Amino acid sequence: MLRERKIPMRTCIACREEKPKRDMLRVVKNAAGEVSLDFSGKLAGRGAYICNSAECVKRLRKYRLLNKAFSCEIPEKVYARIEEEFGAK
């Protein structure tokens, strides 16, 4: 008898909705304090998730939500990179 796999759920820091981890982009801050995009979902460090919607990406930048999630100043280029990624999709 096969067991059903549990789908990991994560909360978007922009809209606060819970969605499957696979459908979201993970932004990670490592021990050295560097912030990067994590496409594999496996990088070490503190993670924050953003869902795949233009509305959430706009809100992320407007309210500088990564600064709040990681309790530090996030460079503007990180926000620009996230917008690039979602613009390509």
C-alpha atoms as a PDB file:
ATOM      1  CA  MET A   1       0.000   0.000   0.000  1.00  0.00           C
ATOM      2  CA  LEU A   2       1.429   3.357  -1.063  1.00  0.00           C
ATOM      3  CA  ARG A   3       1.388   6.262   1.349  1.00  0.00           C
ATOM      4  CA  GLU A   4       0.456   9.660  -0.006  1.00  0.00           C
ATOM      5  CA  ARG A   5       3.320  12.108   0.176  1.00  0.00           C
ATOM      6  CA  LYS A   6       2.721  15.192   2.242  1.00  0.00           C
ATOM      7  CA  ILE A   7       3.098  18.382   0.181  1.00  0.00           C
ATOM      8  CA  PRO A   8       5.230  20.953   2.019  1.00  0.00           C
ATOM      9  CA  MET A   9       3.373  24.266   2.360  1.00  0.00           C
ATOM     10  CA  ARG A  10       4.967  27.690   2.814  1.00  0.00           C
ATOM     11  CA  THR A  11       3.564  31.169   3.481  1.00  0.00           C
ATOM     12  CA  CYS A  12       4.218  34.007   1.026  1.00  0.00           C
ATOM     13  CA  ILE A  13       5.726  37.025   2.811  1.00  0.00           C
ATOM     14  CA  ALA A  14       3.756  39.401   0.563  1.00  0.00           C
ATOM     15  CA  CYS A  15       0.182  38.063   0.497  1.00  0.00           C
ATOM     16  CA  ARG A  16       0.455  35.773   3.595  1.00  0.00           C
ATOM     17  CA  GLU A  17      -1.234  32.912   1.673  1.00  0.00           C
ATOM     18  CA  GLU A  18      -0.087  29.349   2.230  1.00  0.00           C
ATOM     19  CA  LYS A  19       0.851  27.567  -1.005  1.00  0.00           C
ATOM     20  CA  PRO A  20       2.858  24.492  -2.047  1.00  0.00           C
ATOM     21  CA  LYS A  21       6.603  25.041  -1.653  1.00  0.00           C
ATOM     22  CA  ARG A  22       7.244  23.989  -5.288  1.00  0.00           C
ATOM     23  CA  ASP A  23       5.128  26.905  -6.605  1.00  0.00           C
ATOM     24  CA  MET A  24       7.121  29.549  -4.756  1.00  0.00           C
ATOM     25  CA  LEU A  25      10.498  31.253  -5.024  1.00  0.00           C
ATOM     26  CA  ARG A  26      12.779  30.995  -1.999  1.00  0.00           C
ATOM     27  CA  VAL A  27      15.043  33.879  -1.073  1.00  0.00           C
ATOM     28  CA  VAL A  28      17.772  32.822   1.344  1.00  0.00           C
ATOM     29  CA  LYS A  29      20.163  34.681   3.653  1.00  0.00           C
ATOM     30  CA  ASN A  30      23.219  32.590   4.490  1.00  0.00           C
ATOM     31  CA  ALA A  31      25.441  32.713   7.581  1.00  0.00           C
ATOM     32  CA  ALA A  32      27.705  35.305   5.926  1.00  0.00           C
ATOM     33  CA  GLY A  33      24.693  37.606   5.494  1.00  0.00           C
ATOM     34  CA  GLU A  34      24.537  37.252   1.693  1.00  0.00           C
ATOM     35  CA  VAL A  35      21.049  37.228   0.184  1.00  0.00           C
ATOM     36  CA  SER A  36      20.397  35.145  -2.926  1.00  0.00           C
ATOM     37  CA  LEU A  37      17.641  33.394  -4.848  1.00  0.00           C
ATOM     38  CA  ASP A  38      17.361  29.685  -4.130  1.00  0.00           C
ATOM     39  CA  PHE A  39      15.867  27.771  -7.059  1.00  0.00           C
ATOM     40  CA  SER A  40      16.669  24.341  -5.602  1.00  0.00           C
ATOM     41  CA  GLY A  41      15.011  25.104  -2.259  1.00  0.00           C
ATOM     42  CA  LYS A  42      17.942  23.441  -0.494  1.00  0.00           C
ATOM     43  CA  LEU A  43      20.506  26.174   0.197  1.00  0.00           C
ATOM     44  CA  ALA A  44      21.549  26.567   3.826  1.00  0.00           C
ATOM     45  CA  GLY A  45      20.308  29.631   5.664  1.00  0.00           C
ATOM     46  CA  ARG A  46      17.202  31.567   6.625  1.00  0.00           C
ATOM     47  CA  GLY A  47      14.568  31.384   3.905  1.00  0.00           C
ATOM     48  CA  ALA A  48      11.632  33.572   2.934  1.00  0.00           C
ATOM     49  CA  TYR A  49       9.112  32.602   0.270  1.00  0.00           C
ATOM     50  CA  ILE A  50       7.383  34.697  -2.381  1.00  0.00           C
ATOM     51  CA  CYS A  51       4.641  33.353  -4.626  1.00  0.00           C
ATOM     52  CA  ASN A  52       4.727  33.448  -8.377  1.00  0.00           C
ATOM     53  CA  SER A  53       2.482  36.482  -8.891  1.00  0.00           C
ATOM     54  CA  ALA A  54       3.307  39.949 -10.197  1.00  0.00           C
ATOM     55  CA  GLU A  55       1.151  41.490  -7.454  1.00  0.00           C
ATOM     56  CA  CYS A  56       3.245  39.861  -4.701  1.00  0.00           C
ATOM     57  CA  VAL A  57       6.530  40.869  -6.344  1.00  0.00           C
ATOM     58  CA  LYS A  58       5.345  44.506  -6.516  1.00  0.00           C
ATOM     59  CA  ARG A  59       4.283  44.417  -2.864  1.00  0.00           C
ATOM     60  CA  LEU A  60       7.608  42.795  -1.909  1.00  0.00           C
ATOM     61  CA  ARG A  61       9.554  45.763  -3.289  1.00  0.00           C
ATOM     62  CA  LYS A  62       7.103  48.508  -2.316  1.00  0.00           C
ATOM     63  CA  TYR A  63       7.064  47.549   1.368  1.00  0.00           C
ATOM     64  CA  ARG A  64      10.670  46.197   1.365  1.00  0.00           C
ATOM     65  CA  LEU A  65       9.422  42.934   2.876  1.00  0.00           C
ATOM     66  CA  LEU A  66      12.771  41.130   2.660  1.00  0.00           C
ATOM     67  CA  ASN A  67      14.246  43.761   5.005  1.00  0.00           C
ATOM     68  CA  LYS A  68      11.564  42.808   7.533  1.00  0.00           C
ATOM     69  CA  ALA A  69      11.880  39.044   6.965  1.00  0.00           C
ATOM     70  CA  PHE A  70      15.659  39.034   7.449  1.00  0.00           C
ATOM     71  CA  SER A  71      15.872  41.953   9.933  1.00  0.00           C
ATOM     72  CA  CYS A  72      18.589  43.695   7.921  1.00  0.00           C
ATOM     73  CA  GLU A  73      19.069  46.044   4.966  1.00  0.00           C
ATOM     74  CA  ILE A  74      18.625  44.248   1.642  1.00  0.00           C
ATOM     75  CA  PRO A  75      20.377  45.735  -1.435  1.00  0.00           C
ATOM     76  CA  GLU A  76      18.139  47.103  -4.190  1.00  0.00           C
ATOM     77  CA  LYS A  77      19.779  44.708  -6.687  1.00  0.00           C
ATOM     78  CA  VAL A  78      18.190  41.719  -4.879  1.00  0.00           C
ATOM     79  CA  TYR A  79      14.706  43.184  -5.425  1.00  0.00           C
ATOM     80  CA  ALA A  80      15.617  43.942  -9.060  1.00  0.00           C
ATOM     81  CA  ARG A  81      16.800  40.333  -9.572  1.00  0.00           C
ATOM     82  CA  ILE A  82      13.508  38.958  -8.207  1.00  0.00           C
ATOM     83  CA  GLU A  83      11.549  41.241 -10.558  1.00  0.00           C
ATOM     84  CA  GLU A  84      13.731  40.023 -13.455  1.00  0.00           C
ATOM     85  CA  GLU A  85      13.031  36.386 -12.603  1.00  0.00           C
ATOM     86  CA  PHE A  86       9.287  36.927 -12.500  1.00  0.00           C
ATOM     87  CA  GLY A  87       9.325  39.111 -15.599  1.00  0.00           C
ATOM     88  CA  ALA A  88      10.859  36.198 -17.510  1.00  0.00           C
ATOM     89  CA  LYS A  89       8.070  33.801 -16.469  1.00  0.00           C
END
